[in-house]
Structure formats: structure tokens, C-alpha cells
Amino acid sequence: MVAMIKVLLAIHKYPPDKQPEATERVIAQAELLADTWATEAA
């Protein structure tokens, strides 16, 4: 998942110096939404 996030950030020309923070933020958001996504799929 981290690799996919990095690729997407690079494709959209996100500043390289801010990519680590953005990657952590996306992962944190996905963790928060994981329970909701899991219950919707069931």
C-alpha cells in the first residue's frame, strides 16, 4: 500500500519533501475507515 501511495503522489507531482508525511496521513485515514469499509462489504 505504501508503494501505491508513493506512486500516486509522484504521478500527481506532490512535493518529494512532503511525501513521507502524506504517506503516513493516507495510511492513518485508511486505518480509520477500514472498519466502515469492512462492514459495507459484508
PDB file of N, CA and C in Angstrom:
ATOM      1  N   MET A   1       0.828  -1.187   0.000  1.00  0.00           N
ATOM      2  CA  MET A   1       0.000   0.000   0.000  1.00  0.00           C
ATOM      3  C   MET A   1       0.878   1.260   0.000  1.00  0.00           C
ATOM      4  N   VAL A   2       1.966   1.221   0.752  1.00  0.00           N
ATOM      5  CA  VAL A   2       2.864   2.376   0.798  1.00  0.00           C
ATOM      6  C   VAL A   2       3.428   2.660  -0.588  1.00  0.00           C
ATOM      7  N   ALA A   3       3.789   1.617  -1.305  1.00  0.00           N
ATOM      8  CA  ALA A   3       4.335   1.799  -2.654  1.00  0.00           C
ATOM      9  C   ALA A   3       3.304   2.427  -3.583  1.00  0.00           C
ATOM     10  N   MET A   4       2.045   1.994  -3.476  1.00  0.00           N
ATOM     11  CA  MET A   4       0.990   2.557  -4.311  1.00  0.00           C
ATOM     12  C   MET A   4       0.787   4.035  -4.000  1.00  0.00           C
ATOM     13  N   ILE A   5       0.840   4.393  -2.733  1.00  0.00           N
ATOM     14  CA  ILE A   5       0.679   5.791  -2.331  1.00  0.00           C
ATOM     15  C   ILE A   5       1.808   6.633  -2.905  1.00  0.00           C
ATOM     16  N   LYS A   6       3.036   6.126  -2.808  1.00  0.00           N
ATOM     17  CA  LYS A   6       4.190   6.869  -3.333  1.00  0.00           C
ATOM     18  C   LYS A   6       4.083   7.077  -4.835  1.00  0.00           C
ATOM     19  N   VAL A   7       3.631   6.059  -5.546  1.00  0.00           N
ATOM     20  CA  VAL A   7       3.455   6.182  -6.992  1.00  0.00           C
ATOM     21  C   VAL A   7       2.408   7.235  -7.315  1.00  0.00           C
ATOM     22  N   LEU A   8       1.277   7.192  -6.612  1.00  0.00           N
ATOM     23  CA  LEU A   8       0.222   8.178  -6.858  1.00  0.00           C
ATOM     24  C   LEU A   8       0.691   9.598  -6.558  1.00  0.00           C
ATOM     25  N   LEU A   9       1.446   9.760  -5.479  1.00  0.00           N
ATOM     26  CA  LEU A   9       1.959  11.092  -5.158  1.00  0.00           C
ATOM     27  C   LEU A   9       2.909  11.580  -6.236  1.00  0.00           C
ATOM     28  N   ALA A  10       3.747  10.693  -6.736  1.00  0.00           N
ATOM     29  CA  ALA A  10       4.693  11.069  -7.790  1.00  0.00           C
ATOM     30  C   ALA A  10       3.961  11.420  -9.091  1.00  0.00           C
ATOM     31  N   ILE A  11       2.934  10.639  -9.431  1.00  0.00           N
ATOM     32  CA  ILE A  11       2.168  10.908 -10.648  1.00  0.00           C
ATOM     33  C   ILE A  11       1.527  12.289 -10.588  1.00  0.00           C
ATOM     34  N   HIS A  12       1.039  12.663  -9.413  1.00  0.00           N
ATOM     35  CA  HIS A  12       0.355  13.945  -9.254  1.00  0.00           C
ATOM     36  C   HIS A  12       1.297  15.064  -8.832  1.00  0.00           C
ATOM     37  N   LYS A  13       2.608  14.805  -8.979  1.00  0.00           N
ATOM     38  CA  LYS A  13       3.651  15.806  -8.740  1.00  0.00           C
ATOM     39  C   LYS A  13       3.594  16.418  -7.336  1.00  0.00           C
ATOM     40  N   TYR A  14       3.325  15.562  -6.338  1.00  0.00           N
ATOM     41  CA  TYR A  14       3.334  16.009  -4.943  1.00  0.00           C
ATOM     42  C   TYR A  14       4.772  16.299  -4.552  1.00  0.00           C
ATOM     43  N   PRO A  15       5.044  17.352  -3.793  1.00  0.00           N
ATOM     44  CA  PRO A  15       6.418  17.702  -3.446  1.00  0.00           C
ATOM     45  C   PRO A  15       7.138  16.543  -2.729  1.00  0.00           C
ATOM     46  N   PRO A  16       8.308  16.147  -3.241  1.00  0.00           N
ATOM     47  CA  PRO A  16       9.019  14.998  -2.660  1.00  0.00           C
ATOM     48  C   PRO A  16       9.352  15.155  -1.177  1.00  0.00           C
ATOM     49  N   ASP A  17       9.618  16.377  -0.742  1.00  0.00           N
ATOM     50  CA  ASP A  17       9.978  16.571   0.664  1.00  0.00           C
ATOM     51  C   ASP A  17       8.784  16.396   1.604  1.00  0.00           C
ATOM     52  N   LYS A  18       7.570  16.420   1.076  1.00  0.00           N
ATOM     53  CA  LYS A  18       6.379  16.258   1.912  1.00  0.00           C
ATOM     54  C   LYS A  18       5.734  14.887   1.752  1.00  0.00           C
ATOM     55  N   GLN A  19       6.310  14.023   0.917  1.00  0.00           N
ATOM     56  CA  GLN A  19       5.716  12.723   0.667  1.00  0.00           C
ATOM     57  C   GLN A  19       5.660  11.822   1.898  1.00  0.00           C
ATOM     58  N   PRO A  20       6.692  11.776   2.754  1.00  0.00           N
ATOM     59  CA  PRO A  20       6.588  10.900   3.936  1.00  0.00           C
ATOM     60  C   PRO A  20       5.398  11.258   4.836  1.00  0.00           C
ATOM     61  N   GLU A  21       5.164  12.542   5.051  1.00  0.00           N
ATOM     62  CA  GLU A  21       4.038  12.976   5.873  1.00  0.00           C
ATOM     63  C   GLU A  21       2.715  12.598   5.206  1.00  0.00           C
ATOM     64  N   ALA A  22       2.631  12.795   3.907  1.00  0.00           N
ATOM     65  CA  ALA A  22       1.402  12.479   3.175  1.00  0.00           C
ATOM     66  C   ALA A  22       1.132  10.981   3.207  1.00  0.00           C
ATOM     67  N   THR A  23       2.171  10.189   3.073  1.00  0.00           N
ATOM     68  CA  THR A  23       2.022   8.738   3.105  1.00  0.00           C
ATOM     69  C   THR A  23       1.476   8.295   4.459  1.00  0.00           C
ATOM     70  N   GLU A  24       2.041   8.814   5.530  1.00  0.00           N
ATOM     71  CA  GLU A  24       1.562   8.469   6.869  1.00  0.00           C
ATOM     72  C   GLU A  24       0.114   8.908   7.065  1.00  0.00           C
ATOM     73  N   ARG A  25      -0.233  10.073   6.550  1.00  0.00           N
ATOM     74  CA  ARG A  25      -1.593  10.588   6.691  1.00  0.00           C
ATOM     75  C   ARG A  25      -2.593   9.694   5.955  1.00  0.00           C
ATOM     76  N   VAL A  26      -2.244   9.264   4.743  1.00  0.00           N
ATOM     77  CA  VAL A  26      -3.140   8.404   3.969  1.00  0.00           C
ATOM     78  C   VAL A  26      -3.336   7.063   4.674  1.00  0.00           C
ATOM     79  N   ILE A  27      -2.261   6.503   5.212  1.00  0.00           N
ATOM     80  CA  ILE A  27      -2.363   5.228   5.921  1.00  0.00           C
ATOM     81  C   ILE A  27      -3.222   5.384   7.175  1.00  0.00           C
ATOM     82  N   ALA A  28      -3.042   6.472   7.899  1.00  0.00           N
ATOM     83  CA  ALA A  28      -3.845   6.704   9.103  1.00  0.00           C
ATOM     84  C   ALA A  28      -5.326   6.833   8.747  1.00  0.00           C
ATOM     85  N   GLN A  29      -5.628   7.524   7.658  1.00  0.00           N
ATOM     86  CA  GLN A  29      -7.016   7.670   7.237  1.00  0.00           C
ATOM     87  C   GLN A  29      -7.603   6.327   6.823  1.00  0.00           C
ATOM     88  N   ALA A  30      -6.817   5.517   6.129  1.00  0.00           N
ATOM     89  CA  ALA A  30      -7.288   4.200   5.708  1.00  0.00           C
ATOM     90  C   ALA A  30      -7.570   3.314   6.919  1.00  0.00           C
ATOM     91  N   GLU A  31      -6.721   3.412   7.943  1.00  0.00           N
ATOM     92  CA  GLU A  31      -6.957   2.629   9.158  1.00  0.00           C
ATOM     93  C   GLU A  31      -8.259   3.042   9.837  1.00  0.00           C
ATOM     94  N   LEU A  32      -8.539   4.336   9.844  1.00  0.00           N
ATOM     95  CA  LEU A  32      -9.775   4.810  10.458  1.00  0.00           C
ATOM     96  C   LEU A  32     -11.008   4.352   9.678  1.00  0.00           C
ATOM     97  N   LEU A  33     -10.882   4.284   8.361  1.00  0.00           N
ATOM     98  CA  LEU A  33     -12.018   3.915   7.521  1.00  0.00           C
ATOM     99  C   LEU A  33     -12.146   2.412   7.301  1.00  0.00           C
ATOM    100  N   ALA A  34     -11.155   1.641   7.703  1.00  0.00           N
ATOM    101  CA  ALA A  34     -11.146   0.200   7.412  1.00  0.00           C
ATOM    102  C   ALA A  34     -12.367  -0.502   7.989  1.00  0.00           C
ATOM    103  N   ASP A  35     -12.751  -0.175   9.211  1.00  0.00           N
ATOM    104  CA  ASP A  35     -13.919  -0.826   9.825  1.00  0.00           C
ATOM    105  C   ASP A  35     -15.193  -0.516   9.037  1.00  0.00           C
ATOM    106  N   THR A  36     -15.342   0.714   8.616  1.00  0.00           N
ATOM    107  CA  THR A  36     -16.523   1.102   7.850  1.00  0.00           C
ATOM    108  C   THR A  36     -16.549   0.362   6.514  1.00  0.00           C
ATOM    109  N   TRP A  37     -15.406   0.309   5.847  1.00  0.00           N
ATOM    110  CA  TRP A  37     -15.334  -0.384   4.561  1.00  0.00           C
ATOM    111  C   TRP A  37     -15.638  -1.865   4.739  1.00  0.00           C
ATOM    112  N   ALA A  38     -15.160  -2.461   5.822  1.00  0.00           N
ATOM    113  CA  ALA A  38     -15.364  -3.890   6.058  1.00  0.00           C
ATOM    114  C   ALA A  38     -16.847  -4.201   6.282  1.00  0.00           C
ATOM    115  N   THR A  39     -17.549  -3.341   7.012  1.00  0.00           N
ATOM    116  CA  THR A  39     -18.962  -3.598   7.288  1.00  0.00           C
ATOM    117  C   THR A  39     -19.821  -3.332   6.050  1.00  0.00           C
ATOM    118  N   GLU A  40     -19.417  -2.415   5.187  1.00  0.00           N
ATOM    119  CA  GLU A  40     -20.178  -2.137   3.973  1.00  0.00           C
ATOM    120  C   GLU A  40     -20.053  -3.286   2.983  1.00  0.00           C
ATOM    121  N   ALA A  41     -18.920  -3.959   2.982  1.00  0.00           N
ATOM    122  CA  ALA A  41     -18.689  -5.048   2.024  1.00  0.00           C
ATOM    123  C   ALA A  41     -19.445  -6.310   2.425  1.00  0.00           C
ATOM    124  N   ALA A  42     -19.794  -6.411   3.678  1.00  0.00           N
ATOM    125  CA  ALA A  42     -20.447  -7.646   4.159  1.00  0.00           C
ATOM    126  C   ALA A  42     -21.924  -7.686   3.854  1.00  0.00           C
TER     127      ALA A  42
END
